[in-house]
Structure formats: C-alpha cells, structure tokens
Amino acid sequence: MKQGFYNILRGKFLISDDSFKNWRVILFISLLALVMIGSSHSADKKVHQIAYLTNQVKELRSALFDGRTELMQLKMESSIVEKMKIKGIMPSEIPPKKILVKSFQED
C-alpha cells in the first residue's frame, strides 16, 4: 500500500507501459472540468444580468407610477383653474348648453 502511494506521488502511473489508459482518463476528466468551469461562468453571468434587469424594471416601474401621479395632478380641475388664473382666464359662470343639429335628408 505504501509503495503504491509513493508510485502515485512520483507519477509512475503516467510513464508505465499501460499509461495510455491513464492519460485518456486524465484528459477526459480535464475536459469535463473545463466544461464545468465554463458553464458555471455562463450561469454566473446570467444571474448578474437577471439582477441588473430586475433592478432596471423596478426603476422603470417607479418612474411609471411617478408619471401617472403627476399626470393625474395636472388633469385635476383645480390645478387647471390655478394655471389659467395666472394667464387671466377664469372658468365660465354660465354652464355650457347642448347644441342639437337636425340633419336634413334629401329625397
């Protein structure tokens, strides 16, 4: 057992007569390790991109609600009256009347 452990440490399994089998296994494991490292980097990149896009969606949603709130305040009659007072335009005291137009059909 002790001799086998020393042979592994010295690398005799790589230079012995039947070392071709060992080299194939080592190359296969190395290739699998490279593929695993590459896929983990790809997954990390996607996780970072998802986090960035999630933050961007939150910011845009916040801007949307701010814009809606501002629009609702601008559309309120009281704010329109205030802005028109500055220009000297006052709301009418007489309510509007409906105008009915009768259409004439020619035969």
PDB file of N, CA and C in Angstrom:
ATOM      1  N   MET A   1       0.827  -1.186   0.000  1.00  0.00           N
ATOM      2  CA  MET A   1       0.000   0.000   0.000  1.00  0.00           C
ATOM      3  C   MET A   1       0.876   1.255   0.000  1.00  0.00           C
ATOM      4  N   LYS A   2       1.932   1.208   0.866  1.00  0.00           N
ATOM      5  CA  LYS A   2       2.816   2.349   0.950  1.00  0.00           C
ATOM      6  C   LYS A   2       3.558   2.570  -0.370  1.00  0.00           C
ATOM      7  N   GLN A   3       3.977   1.498  -0.993  1.00  0.00           N
ATOM      8  CA  GLN A   3       4.700   1.586  -2.263  1.00  0.00           C
ATOM      9  C   GLN A   3       3.781   2.133  -3.354  1.00  0.00           C
ATOM     10  N   GLY A   4       2.498   1.716  -3.368  1.00  0.00           N
ATOM     11  CA  GLY A   4       1.534   2.199  -4.358  1.00  0.00           C
ATOM     12  C   GLY A   4       1.270   3.691  -4.213  1.00  0.00           C
ATOM     13  N   PHE A   5       1.231   4.154  -2.990  1.00  0.00           N
ATOM     14  CA  PHE A   5       1.026   5.581  -2.732  1.00  0.00           C
ATOM     15  C   PHE A   5       2.218   6.396  -3.216  1.00  0.00           C
ATOM     16  N   TYR A   6       3.432   5.889  -2.969  1.00  0.00           N
ATOM     17  CA  TYR A   6       4.630   6.573  -3.445  1.00  0.00           C
ATOM     18  C   TYR A   6       4.702   6.584  -4.971  1.00  0.00           C
ATOM     19  N   ASN A   7       4.257   5.497  -5.609  1.00  0.00           N
ATOM     20  CA  ASN A   7       4.238   5.445  -7.072  1.00  0.00           C
ATOM     21  C   ASN A   7       3.280   6.506  -7.642  1.00  0.00           C
ATOM     22  N   ILE A   8       2.167   6.705  -6.981  1.00  0.00           N
ATOM     23  CA  ILE A   8       1.213   7.743  -7.438  1.00  0.00           C
ATOM     24  C   ILE A   8       1.824   9.123  -7.269  1.00  0.00           C
ATOM     25  N   LEU A   9       2.483   9.360  -6.115  1.00  0.00           N
ATOM     26  CA  LEU A   9       3.110  10.659  -5.880  1.00  0.00           C
ATOM     27  C   LEU A   9       4.247  10.937  -6.855  1.00  0.00           C
ATOM     28  N   ARG A  10       5.003   9.915  -7.218  1.00  0.00           N
ATOM     29  CA  ARG A  10       6.118  10.087  -8.156  1.00  0.00           C
ATOM     30  C   ARG A  10       5.652  10.151  -9.602  1.00  0.00           C
ATOM     31  N   GLY A  11       4.414   9.728  -9.863  1.00  0.00           N
ATOM     32  CA  GLY A  11       3.881   9.790 -11.219  1.00  0.00           C
ATOM     33  C   GLY A  11       4.231   8.607 -12.075  1.00  0.00           C
ATOM     34  N   LYS A  12       4.533   7.497 -11.472  1.00  0.00           N
ATOM     35  CA  LYS A  12       4.890   6.308 -12.243  1.00  0.00           C
ATOM     36  C   LYS A  12       3.723   5.790 -13.073  1.00  0.00           C
ATOM     37  N   PHE A  13       2.497   6.099 -12.652  1.00  0.00           N
ATOM     38  CA  PHE A  13       1.337   5.635 -13.416  1.00  0.00           C
ATOM     39  C   PHE A  13       1.224   6.369 -14.753  1.00  0.00           C
ATOM     40  N   LEU A  14       1.954   7.470 -14.908  1.00  0.00           N
ATOM     41  CA  LEU A  14       1.916   8.215 -16.166  1.00  0.00           C
ATOM     42  C   LEU A  14       2.992   7.755 -17.148  1.00  0.00           C
ATOM     43  N   ILE A  15       4.017   7.084 -16.667  1.00  0.00           N
ATOM     44  CA  ILE A  15       5.116   6.699 -17.564  1.00  0.00           C
ATOM     45  C   ILE A  15       5.264   5.193 -17.704  1.00  0.00           C
ATOM     46  N   SER A  16       4.400   4.434 -17.073  1.00  0.00           N
ATOM     47  CA  SER A  16       4.496   2.967 -17.179  1.00  0.00           C
ATOM     48  C   SER A  16       4.006   2.503 -18.551  1.00  0.00           C
ATOM     49  N   ASP A  17       4.107   1.224 -18.815  1.00  0.00           N
ATOM     50  CA  ASP A  17       3.757   0.666 -20.127  1.00  0.00           C
ATOM     51  C   ASP A  17       2.267   0.824 -20.456  1.00  0.00           C
ATOM     52  N   ASP A  18       1.400   0.676 -19.496  1.00  0.00           N
ATOM     53  CA  ASP A  18      -0.042   0.795 -19.755  1.00  0.00           C
ATOM     54  C   ASP A  18      -0.587   2.187 -19.370  1.00  0.00           C
ATOM     55  N   SER A  19       0.262   3.186 -19.511  1.00  0.00           N
ATOM     56  CA  SER A  19      -0.125   4.535 -19.105  1.00  0.00           C
ATOM     57  C   SER A  19      -1.108   5.202 -20.079  1.00  0.00           C
ATOM     58  N   PHE A  20      -1.255   4.632 -21.293  1.00  0.00           N
ATOM     59  CA  PHE A  20      -2.168   5.234 -22.268  1.00  0.00           C
ATOM     60  C   PHE A  20      -3.586   5.300 -21.715  1.00  0.00           C
ATOM     61  N   LYS A  21      -4.036   4.265 -21.005  1.00  0.00           N
ATOM     62  CA  LYS A  21      -5.367   4.263 -20.394  1.00  0.00           C
ATOM     63  C   LYS A  21      -5.478   5.375 -19.356  1.00  0.00           C
ATOM     64  N   ASN A  22      -4.423   5.543 -18.572  1.00  0.00           N
ATOM     65  CA  ASN A  22      -4.434   6.587 -17.537  1.00  0.00           C
ATOM     66  C   ASN A  22      -4.497   7.978 -18.159  1.00  0.00           C
ATOM     67  N   TRP A  23      -3.751   8.201 -19.229  1.00  0.00           N
ATOM     68  CA  TRP A  23      -3.756   9.504 -19.887  1.00  0.00           C
ATOM     69  C   TRP A  23      -5.127   9.822 -20.465  1.00  0.00           C
ATOM     70  N   ARG A  24      -5.803   8.821 -21.031  1.00  0.00           N
ATOM     71  CA  ARG A  24      -7.145   9.054 -21.568  1.00  0.00           C
ATOM     72  C   ARG A  24      -8.103   9.503 -20.475  1.00  0.00           C
ATOM     73  N   VAL A  25      -8.039   8.844 -19.330  1.00  0.00           N
ATOM     74  CA  VAL A  25      -8.914   9.200 -18.205  1.00  0.00           C
ATOM     75  C   VAL A  25      -8.589  10.605 -17.710  1.00  0.00           C
ATOM     76  N   ILE A  26      -7.299  10.908 -17.595  1.00  0.00           N
ATOM     77  CA  ILE A  26      -6.894  12.237 -17.117  1.00  0.00           C
ATOM     78  C   ILE A  26      -7.356  13.318 -18.092  1.00  0.00           C
ATOM     79  N   LEU A  27      -7.175  13.098 -19.374  1.00  0.00           N
ATOM     80  CA  LEU A  27      -7.626  14.079 -20.362  1.00  0.00           C
ATOM     81  C   LEU A  27      -9.150  14.234 -20.339  1.00  0.00           C
ATOM     82  N   PHE A  28      -9.859  13.138 -20.190  1.00  0.00           N
ATOM     83  CA  PHE A  28     -11.319  13.197 -20.130  1.00  0.00           C
ATOM     84  C   PHE A  28     -11.792  13.985 -18.909  1.00  0.00           C
ATOM     85  N   ILE A  29     -11.180  13.719 -17.762  1.00  0.00           N
ATOM     86  CA  ILE A  29     -11.548  14.450 -16.535  1.00  0.00           C
ATOM     87  C   ILE A  29     -11.192  15.931 -16.666  1.00  0.00           C
ATOM     88  N   SER A  30     -10.050  16.234 -17.301  1.00  0.00           N
ATOM     89  CA  SER A  30      -9.662  17.640 -17.512  1.00  0.00           C
ATOM     90  C   SER A  30     -10.664  18.348 -18.416  1.00  0.00           C
ATOM     91  N   LEU A  31     -11.093  17.672 -19.470  1.00  0.00           N
ATOM     92  CA  LEU A  31     -12.082  18.259 -20.378  1.00  0.00           C
ATOM     93  C   LEU A  31     -13.402  18.509 -19.649  1.00  0.00           C
ATOM     94  N   LEU A  32     -13.830  17.547 -18.842  1.00  0.00           N
ATOM     95  CA  LEU A  32     -15.056  17.739 -18.068  1.00  0.00           C
ATOM     96  C   LEU A  32     -14.924  18.909 -17.094  1.00  0.00           C
ATOM     97  N   ALA A  33     -13.750  19.054 -16.480  1.00  0.00           N
ATOM     98  CA  ALA A  33     -13.529  20.170 -15.554  1.00  0.00           C
ATOM     99  C   ALA A  33     -13.615  21.505 -16.292  1.00  0.00           C
ATOM    100  N   LEU A  34     -13.045  21.585 -17.496  1.00  0.00           N
ATOM    101  CA  LEU A  34     -13.125  22.828 -18.278  1.00  0.00           C
ATOM    102  C   LEU A  34     -14.560  23.157 -18.669  1.00  0.00           C
ATOM    103  N   VAL A  35     -15.304  22.136 -19.064  1.00  0.00           N
ATOM    104  CA  VAL A  35     -16.710  22.360 -19.428  1.00  0.00           C
ATOM    105  C   VAL A  35     -17.501  22.834 -18.212  1.00  0.00           C
ATOM    106  N   MET A  36     -17.250  22.242 -17.056  1.00  0.00           N
ATOM    107  CA  MET A  36     -17.950  22.625 -15.838  1.00  0.00           C
ATOM    108  C   MET A  36     -17.621  24.066 -15.446  1.00  0.00           C
ATOM    109  N   ILE A  37     -16.354  24.450 -15.542  1.00  0.00           N
ATOM    110  CA  ILE A  37     -15.946  25.820 -15.215  1.00  0.00           C
ATOM    111  C   ILE A  37     -16.612  26.805 -16.179  1.00  0.00           C
ATOM    112  N   GLY A  38     -16.611  26.475 -17.462  1.00  0.00           N
ATOM    113  CA  GLY A  38     -17.241  27.355 -18.446  1.00  0.00           C
ATOM    114  C   GLY A  38     -18.736  27.509 -18.211  1.00  0.00           C
ATOM    115  N   SER A  39     -19.411  26.418 -17.892  1.00  0.00           N
ATOM    116  CA  SER A  39     -20.850  26.517 -17.673  1.00  0.00           C
ATOM    117  C   SER A  39     -21.172  27.284 -16.395  1.00  0.00           C
ATOM    118  N   SER A  40     -20.327  27.163 -15.372  1.00  0.00           N
ATOM    119  CA  SER A  40     -20.575  27.922 -14.140  1.00  0.00           C
ATOM    120  C   SER A  40     -20.356  29.413 -14.374  1.00  0.00           C
ATOM    121  N   HIS A  41     -19.360  29.776 -15.192  1.00  0.00           N
ATOM    122  CA  HIS A  41     -19.164  31.189 -15.536  1.00  0.00           C
ATOM    123  C   HIS A  41     -20.359  31.717 -16.319  1.00  0.00           C
ATOM    124  N   SER A  42     -20.856  30.926 -17.229  1.00  0.00           N
ATOM    125  CA  SER A  42     -22.025  31.327 -18.010  1.00  0.00           C
ATOM    126  C   SER A  42     -23.244  31.519 -17.108  1.00  0.00           C
ATOM    127  N   ALA A  43     -23.436  30.616 -16.162  1.00  0.00           N
ATOM    128  CA  ALA A  43     -24.571  30.733 -15.236  1.00  0.00           C
ATOM    129  C   ALA A  43     -24.426  31.973 -14.361  1.00  0.00           C
ATOM    130  N   ASP A  44     -23.215  32.255 -13.887  1.00  0.00           N
ATOM    131  CA  ASP A  44     -22.990  33.456 -13.073  1.00  0.00           C
ATOM    132  C   ASP A  44     -23.286  34.717 -13.876  1.00  0.00           C
ATOM    133  N   LYS A  45     -22.865  34.713 -15.128  1.00  0.00           N
ATOM    134  CA  LYS A  45     -23.112  35.874 -15.989  1.00  0.00           C
ATOM    135  C   LYS A  45     -24.611  36.105 -16.152  1.00  0.00           C
ATOM    136  N   LYS A  46     -25.358  35.030 -16.333  1.00  0.00           N
ATOM    137  CA  LYS A  46     -26.804  35.155 -16.486  1.00  0.00           C
ATOM    138  C   LYS A  46     -27.462  35.631 -15.199  1.00  0.00           C
ATOM    139  N   VAL A  47     -26.974  35.175 -14.060  1.00  0.00           N
ATOM    140  CA  VAL A  47     -27.530  35.615 -12.773  1.00  0.00           C
ATOM    141  C   VAL A  47     -27.305  37.118 -12.594  1.00  0.00           C
ATOM    142  N   HIS A  48     -26.114  37.593 -12.933  1.00  0.00           N
ATOM    143  CA  HIS A  48     -25.835  39.029 -12.823  1.00  0.00           C
ATOM    144  C   HIS A  48     -26.712  39.827 -13.788  1.00  0.00           C
ATOM    145  N   GLN A  49     -26.907  39.315 -14.988  1.00  0.00           N
ATOM    146  CA  GLN A  49     -27.750  40.011 -15.961  1.00  0.00           C
ATOM    147  C   GLN A  49     -29.204  40.054 -15.479  1.00  0.00           C
ATOM    148  N   ILE A  50     -29.685  38.971 -14.900  1.00  0.00           N
ATOM    149  CA  ILE A  50     -31.049  38.941 -14.378  1.00  0.00           C
ATOM    150  C   ILE A  50     -31.204  39.953 -13.245  1.00  0.00           C
ATOM    151  N   ALA A  51     -30.223  40.037 -12.353  1.00  0.00           N
ATOM    152  CA  ALA A  51     -30.279  41.007 -11.250  1.00  0.00           C
ATOM    153  C   ALA A  51     -30.290  42.433 -11.785  1.00  0.00           C
ATOM    154  N   TYR A  52     -29.454  42.708 -12.792  1.00  0.00           N
ATOM    155  CA  TYR A  52     -29.409  44.050 -13.391  1.00  0.00           C
ATOM    156  C   TYR A  52     -30.750  44.401 -14.034  1.00  0.00           C
ATOM    157  N   LEU A  53     -31.307  43.457 -14.796  1.00  0.00           N
ATOM    158  CA  LEU A  53     -32.584  43.723 -15.457  1.00  0.00           C
ATOM    159  C   LEU A  53     -33.725  43.872 -14.455  1.00  0.00           C
ATOM    160  N   THR A  54     -33.682  43.124 -13.360  1.00  0.00           N
ATOM    161  CA  THR A  54     -34.702  43.256 -12.320  1.00  0.00           C
ATOM    162  C   THR A  54     -34.653  44.642 -11.696  1.00  0.00           C
ATOM    163  N   ASN A  55     -33.456  45.133 -11.414  1.00  0.00           N
ATOM    164  CA  ASN A  55     -33.327  46.488 -10.875  1.00  0.00           C
ATOM    165  C   ASN A  55     -33.823  47.528 -11.866  1.00  0.00           C
ATOM    166  N   GLN A  56     -33.525  47.315 -13.132  1.00  0.00           N
ATOM    167  CA  GLN A  56     -33.964  48.257 -14.159  1.00  0.00           C
ATOM    168  C   GLN A  56     -35.491  48.273 -14.258  1.00  0.00           C
ATOM    169  N   VAL A  57     -36.124  47.111 -14.164  1.00  0.00           N
ATOM    170  CA  VAL A  57     -37.586  47.033 -14.207  1.00  0.00           C
ATOM    171  C   VAL A  57     -38.183  47.769 -13.015  1.00  0.00           C
ATOM    172  N   LYS A  58     -37.589  47.612 -11.833  1.00  0.00           N
ATOM    173  CA  LYS A  58     -38.082  48.316 -10.648  1.00  0.00           C
ATOM    174  C   LYS A  58     -37.998  49.827 -10.830  1.00  0.00           C
ATOM    175  N   GLU A  59     -36.881  50.300 -11.382  1.00  0.00           N
ATOM    176  CA  GLU A  59     -36.719  51.732 -11.607  1.00  0.00           C
ATOM    177  C   GLU A  59     -37.733  52.253 -12.619  1.00  0.00           C
ATOM    178  N   LEU A  60     -37.926  51.514 -13.698  1.00  0.00           N
ATOM    179  CA  LEU A  60     -38.880  51.955 -14.720  1.00  0.00           C
ATOM    180  C   LEU A  60     -40.305  51.928 -14.193  1.00  0.00           C
ATOM    181  N   ARG A  61     -40.642  50.931 -13.387  1.00  0.00           N
ATOM    182  CA  ARG A  61     -41.980  50.859 -12.795  1.00  0.00           C
ATOM    183  C   ARG A  61     -42.201  52.043 -11.848  1.00  0.00           C
ATOM    184  N   SER A  62     -41.179  52.401 -11.088  1.00  0.00           N
ATOM    185  CA  SER A  62     -41.270  53.549 -10.193  1.00  0.00           C
ATOM    186  C   SER A  62     -41.467  54.836 -11.000  1.00  0.00           C
ATOM    187  N   ALA A  63     -40.729  54.968 -12.096  1.00  0.00           N
ATOM    188  CA  ALA A  63     -40.882  56.152 -12.952  1.00  0.00           C
ATOM    189  C   ALA A  63     -42.280  56.203 -13.564  1.00  0.00           C
ATOM    190  N   LEU A  64     -42.827  55.038 -13.917  1.00  0.00           N
ATOM    191  CA  LEU A  64     -44.182  54.982 -14.470  1.00  0.00           C
ATOM    192  C   LEU A  64     -45.195  55.485 -13.456  1.00  0.00           C
ATOM    193  N   PHE A  65     -45.102  55.023 -12.219  1.00  0.00           N
ATOM    194  CA  PHE A  65     -46.054  55.457 -11.197  1.00  0.00           C
ATOM    195  C   PHE A  65     -45.893  56.934 -10.876  1.00  0.00           C
ATOM    196  N   ASP A  66     -44.651  57.429 -10.871  1.00  0.00           N
ATOM    197  CA  ASP A  66     -44.433  58.857 -10.658  1.00  0.00           C
ATOM    198  C   ASP A  66     -45.067  59.670 -11.783  1.00  0.00           C
ATOM    199  N   GLY A  67     -44.897  59.205 -13.014  1.00  0.00           N
ATOM    200  CA  GLY A  67     -45.501  59.906 -14.159  1.00  0.00           C
ATOM    201  C   GLY A  67     -47.018  59.883 -14.103  1.00  0.00           C
ATOM    202  N   ARG A  68     -47.598  58.754 -13.720  1.00  0.00           N
ATOM    203  CA  ARG A  68     -49.060  58.668 -13.599  1.00  0.00           C
ATOM    204  C   ARG A  68     -49.580  59.617 -12.533  1.00  0.00           C
ATOM    205  N   THR A  69     -48.884  59.670 -11.396  1.00  0.00           N
ATOM    206  CA  THR A  69     -49.302  60.560 -10.307  1.00  0.00           C
ATOM    207  C   THR A  69     -49.248  62.010 -10.754  1.00  0.00           C
ATOM    208  N   GLU A  70     -48.173  62.373 -11.426  1.00  0.00           N
ATOM    209  CA  GLU A  70     -48.033  63.753 -11.905  1.00  0.00           C
ATOM    210  C   GLU A  70     -49.108  64.080 -12.933  1.00  0.00           C
ATOM    211  N   LEU A  71     -49.391  63.146 -13.831  1.00  0.00           N
ATOM    212  CA  LEU A  71     -50.432  63.358 -14.834  1.00  0.00           C
ATOM    213  C   LEU A  71     -51.795  63.546 -14.179  1.00  0.00           C
ATOM    214  N   MET A  72     -52.104  62.731 -13.175  1.00  0.00           N
ATOM    215  CA  MET A  72     -53.393  62.862 -12.500  1.00  0.00           C
ATOM    216  C   MET A  72     -53.519  64.219 -11.812  1.00  0.00           C
ATOM    217  N   GLN A  73     -52.435  64.700 -11.235  1.00  0.00           N
ATOM    218  CA  GLN A  73     -52.465  66.009 -10.586  1.00  0.00           C
ATOM    219  C   GLN A  73     -52.634  67.125 -11.616  1.00  0.00           C
ATOM    220  N   LEU A  74     -51.996  66.977 -12.775  1.00  0.00           N
ATOM    221  CA  LEU A  74     -52.117  68.000 -13.821  1.00  0.00           C
ATOM    222  C   LEU A  74     -53.519  68.027 -14.425  1.00  0.00           C
ATOM    223  N   LYS A  75     -54.199  66.878 -14.459  1.00  0.00           N
ATOM    224  CA  LYS A  75     -55.519  66.806 -15.062  1.00  0.00           C
ATOM    225  C   LYS A  75     -56.633  67.262 -14.123  1.00  0.00           C
ATOM    226  N   MET A  76     -56.325  67.436 -12.853  1.00  0.00           N
ATOM    227  CA  MET A  76     -57.357  67.852 -11.901  1.00  0.00           C
ATOM    228  C   MET A  76     -57.842  69.262 -12.243  1.00  0.00           C
ATOM    229  N   GLU A  77     -59.135  69.477 -12.100  1.00  0.00           N
ATOM    230  CA  GLU A  77     -59.734  70.764 -12.472  1.00  0.00           C
ATOM    231  C   GLU A  77     -59.157  71.894 -11.640  1.00  0.00           C
ATOM    232  N   SER A  78     -58.900  71.652 -10.372  1.00  0.00           N
ATOM    233  CA  SER A  78     -58.369  72.710  -9.509  1.00  0.00           C
ATOM    234  C   SER A  78     -56.998  73.185  -9.983  1.00  0.00           C
ATOM    235  N   SER A  79     -56.136  72.255 -10.428  1.00  0.00           N
ATOM    236  CA  SER A  79     -54.812  72.677 -10.892  1.00  0.00           C
ATOM    237  C   SER A  79     -54.909  73.418 -12.228  1.00  0.00           C
ATOM    238  N   ILE A  80     -55.860  73.022 -13.062  1.00  0.00           N
ATOM    239  CA  ILE A  80     -56.055  73.730 -14.338  1.00  0.00           C
ATOM    240  C   ILE A  80     -56.551  75.143 -14.086  1.00  0.00           C
ATOM    241  N   VAL A  81     -57.497  75.295 -13.150  1.00  0.00           N
ATOM    242  CA  VAL A  81     -58.031  76.628 -12.817  1.00  0.00           C
ATOM    243  C   VAL A  81     -56.922  77.515 -12.281  1.00  0.00           C
ATOM    244  N   GLU A  82     -56.059  76.954 -11.419  1.00  0.00           N
ATOM    245  CA  GLU A  82     -54.938  77.729 -10.870  1.00  0.00           C
ATOM    246  C   GLU A  82     -54.022  78.241 -11.985  1.00  0.00           C
ATOM    247  N   LYS A  83     -53.696  77.389 -12.939  1.00  0.00           N
ATOM    248  CA  LYS A  83     -52.793  77.797 -14.019  1.00  0.00           C
ATOM    249  C   LYS A  83     -53.449  78.805 -14.950  1.00  0.00           C
ATOM    250  N   MET A  84     -54.748  78.674 -15.149  1.00  0.00           N
ATOM    251  CA  MET A  84     -55.433  79.618 -16.025  1.00  0.00           C
ATOM    252  C   MET A  84     -55.616  80.980 -15.358  1.00  0.00           C
ATOM    253  N   LYS A  85     -55.703  81.024 -14.032  1.00  0.00           N
ATOM    254  CA  LYS A  85     -55.807  82.301 -13.310  1.00  0.00           C
ATOM    255  C   LYS A  85     -54.572  83.151 -13.578  1.00  0.00           C
ATOM    256  N   ILE A  86     -53.431  82.509 -13.655  1.00  0.00           N
ATOM    257  CA  ILE A  86     -52.178  83.235 -13.912  1.00  0.00           C
ATOM    258  C   ILE A  86     -52.245  83.924 -15.274  1.00  0.00           C
ATOM    259  N   LYS A  87     -52.872  83.282 -16.251  1.00  0.00           N
ATOM    260  CA  LYS A  87     -52.985  83.855 -17.590  1.00  0.00           C
ATOM    261  C   LYS A  87     -54.190  84.767 -17.734  1.00  0.00           C
ATOM    262  N   GLY A  88     -54.988  84.877 -16.693  1.00  0.00           N
ATOM    263  CA  GLY A  88     -56.139  85.768 -16.726  1.00  0.00           C
ATOM    264  C   GLY A  88     -57.402  85.115 -17.285  1.00  0.00           C
ATOM    265  N   ILE A  89     -57.438  83.827 -17.388  1.00  0.00           N
ATOM    266  CA  ILE A  89     -58.619  83.115 -17.892  1.00  0.00           C
ATOM    267  C   ILE A  89     -59.338  82.511 -16.700  1.00  0.00           C
ATOM    268  N   MET A  90     -60.623  82.855 -16.576  1.00  0.00           N
ATOM    269  CA  MET A  90     -61.421  82.362 -15.457  1.00  0.00           C
ATOM    270  C   MET A  90     -62.442  81.359 -15.988  1.00  0.00           C
ATOM    271  N   PRO A  91     -62.884  80.424 -15.144  1.00  0.00           N
ATOM    272  CA  PRO A  91     -63.914  79.486 -15.590  1.00  0.00           C
ATOM    273  C   PRO A  91     -65.247  80.213 -15.808  1.00  0.00           C
ATOM    274  N   SER A  92     -66.029  79.695 -16.690  1.00  0.00           N
ATOM    275  CA  SER A  92     -67.305  80.318 -17.040  1.00  0.00           C
ATOM    276  C   SER A  92     -68.299  80.168 -15.894  1.00  0.00           C
ATOM    277  N   GLU A  93     -69.099  81.227 -15.683  1.00  0.00           N
ATOM    278  CA  GLU A  93     -70.139  81.194 -14.659  1.00  0.00           C
ATOM    279  C   GLU A  93     -71.397  80.521 -15.210  1.00  0.00           C
ATOM    280  N   ILE A  94     -71.568  80.586 -16.525  1.00  0.00           N
ATOM    281  CA  ILE A  94     -72.753  80.015 -17.169  1.00  0.00           C
ATOM    282  C   ILE A  94     -72.395  78.602 -17.633  1.00  0.00           C
ATOM    283  N   PRO A  95     -73.206  77.618 -17.254  1.00  0.00           N
ATOM    284  CA  PRO A  95     -72.895  76.266 -17.698  1.00  0.00           C
ATOM    285  C   PRO A  95     -73.080  76.122 -19.205  1.00  0.00           C
ATOM    286  N   PRO A  96     -72.370  75.198 -19.815  1.00  0.00           N
ATOM    287  CA  PRO A  96     -72.492  75.027 -21.261  1.00  0.00           C
ATOM    288  C   PRO A  96     -73.865  74.457 -21.630  1.00  0.00           C
ATOM    289  N   LYS A  97     -74.303  74.787 -22.856  1.00  0.00           N
ATOM    290  CA  LYS A  97     -75.582  74.279 -23.359  1.00  0.00           C
ATOM    291  C   LYS A  97     -75.298  73.311 -24.492  1.00  0.00           C
ATOM    292  N   LYS A  98     -76.155  72.328 -24.603  1.00  0.00           N
ATOM    293  CA  LYS A  98     -76.013  71.335 -25.654  1.00  0.00           C
ATOM    294  C   LYS A  98     -76.655  71.876 -26.925  1.00  0.00           C
ATOM    295  N   ILE A  99     -75.963  71.773 -28.032  1.00  0.00           N
ATOM    296  CA  ILE A  99     -76.476  72.221 -29.324  1.00  0.00           C
ATOM    297  C   ILE A  99     -76.877  70.989 -30.113  1.00  0.00           C
ATOM    298  N   LEU A 100     -78.118  70.943 -30.519  1.00  0.00           N
ATOM    299  CA  LEU A 100     -78.613  69.825 -31.312  1.00  0.00           C
ATOM    300  C   LEU A 100     -78.701  70.250 -32.766  1.00  0.00           C
ATOM    301  N   VAL A 101     -78.196  69.466 -33.648  1.00  0.00           N
ATOM    302  CA  VAL A 101     -78.219  69.748 -35.070  1.00  0.00           C
ATOM    303  C   VAL A 101     -79.092  68.687 -35.711  1.00  0.00           C
ATOM    304  N   LYS A 102     -80.140  69.159 -36.384  1.00  0.00           N
ATOM    305  CA  LYS A 102     -81.020  68.234 -37.095  1.00  0.00           C
ATOM    306  C   LYS A 102     -80.499  68.088 -38.510  1.00  0.00           C
ATOM    307  N   SER A 103     -80.330  66.889 -38.922  1.00  0.00           N
ATOM    308  CA  SER A 103     -79.841  66.669 -40.272  1.00  0.00           C
ATOM    309  C   SER A 103     -81.043  66.508 -41.210  1.00  0.00           C
ATOM    310  N   PHE A 104     -80.903  67.126 -42.363  1.00  0.00           N
ATOM    311  CA  PHE A 104     -81.969  67.053 -43.373  1.00  0.00           C
ATOM    312  C   PHE A 104     -81.565  66.041 -44.423  1.00  0.00           C
ATOM    313  N   GLN A 105     -82.483  65.170 -44.698  1.00  0.00           N
ATOM    314  CA  GLN A 105     -82.224  64.182 -45.712  1.00  0.00           C
ATOM    315  C   GLN A 105     -82.920  64.596 -46.995  1.00  0.00           C
ATOM    316  N   GLU A 106     -82.211  64.595 -48.073  1.00  0.00           N
ATOM    317  CA  GLU A 106     -82.804  64.942 -49.358  1.00  0.00           C
ATOM    318  C   GLU A 106     -83.257  63.664 -50.039  1.00  0.00           C
ATOM    319  N   ASP A 107     -84.480  63.716 -50.560  1.00  0.00           N
ATOM    320  CA  ASP A 107     -85.016  62.544 -51.256  1.00  0.00           C
ATOM    321  C   ASP A 107     -84.826  62.660 -52.728  1.00  0.00           C
TER     322      ASP A 107
END
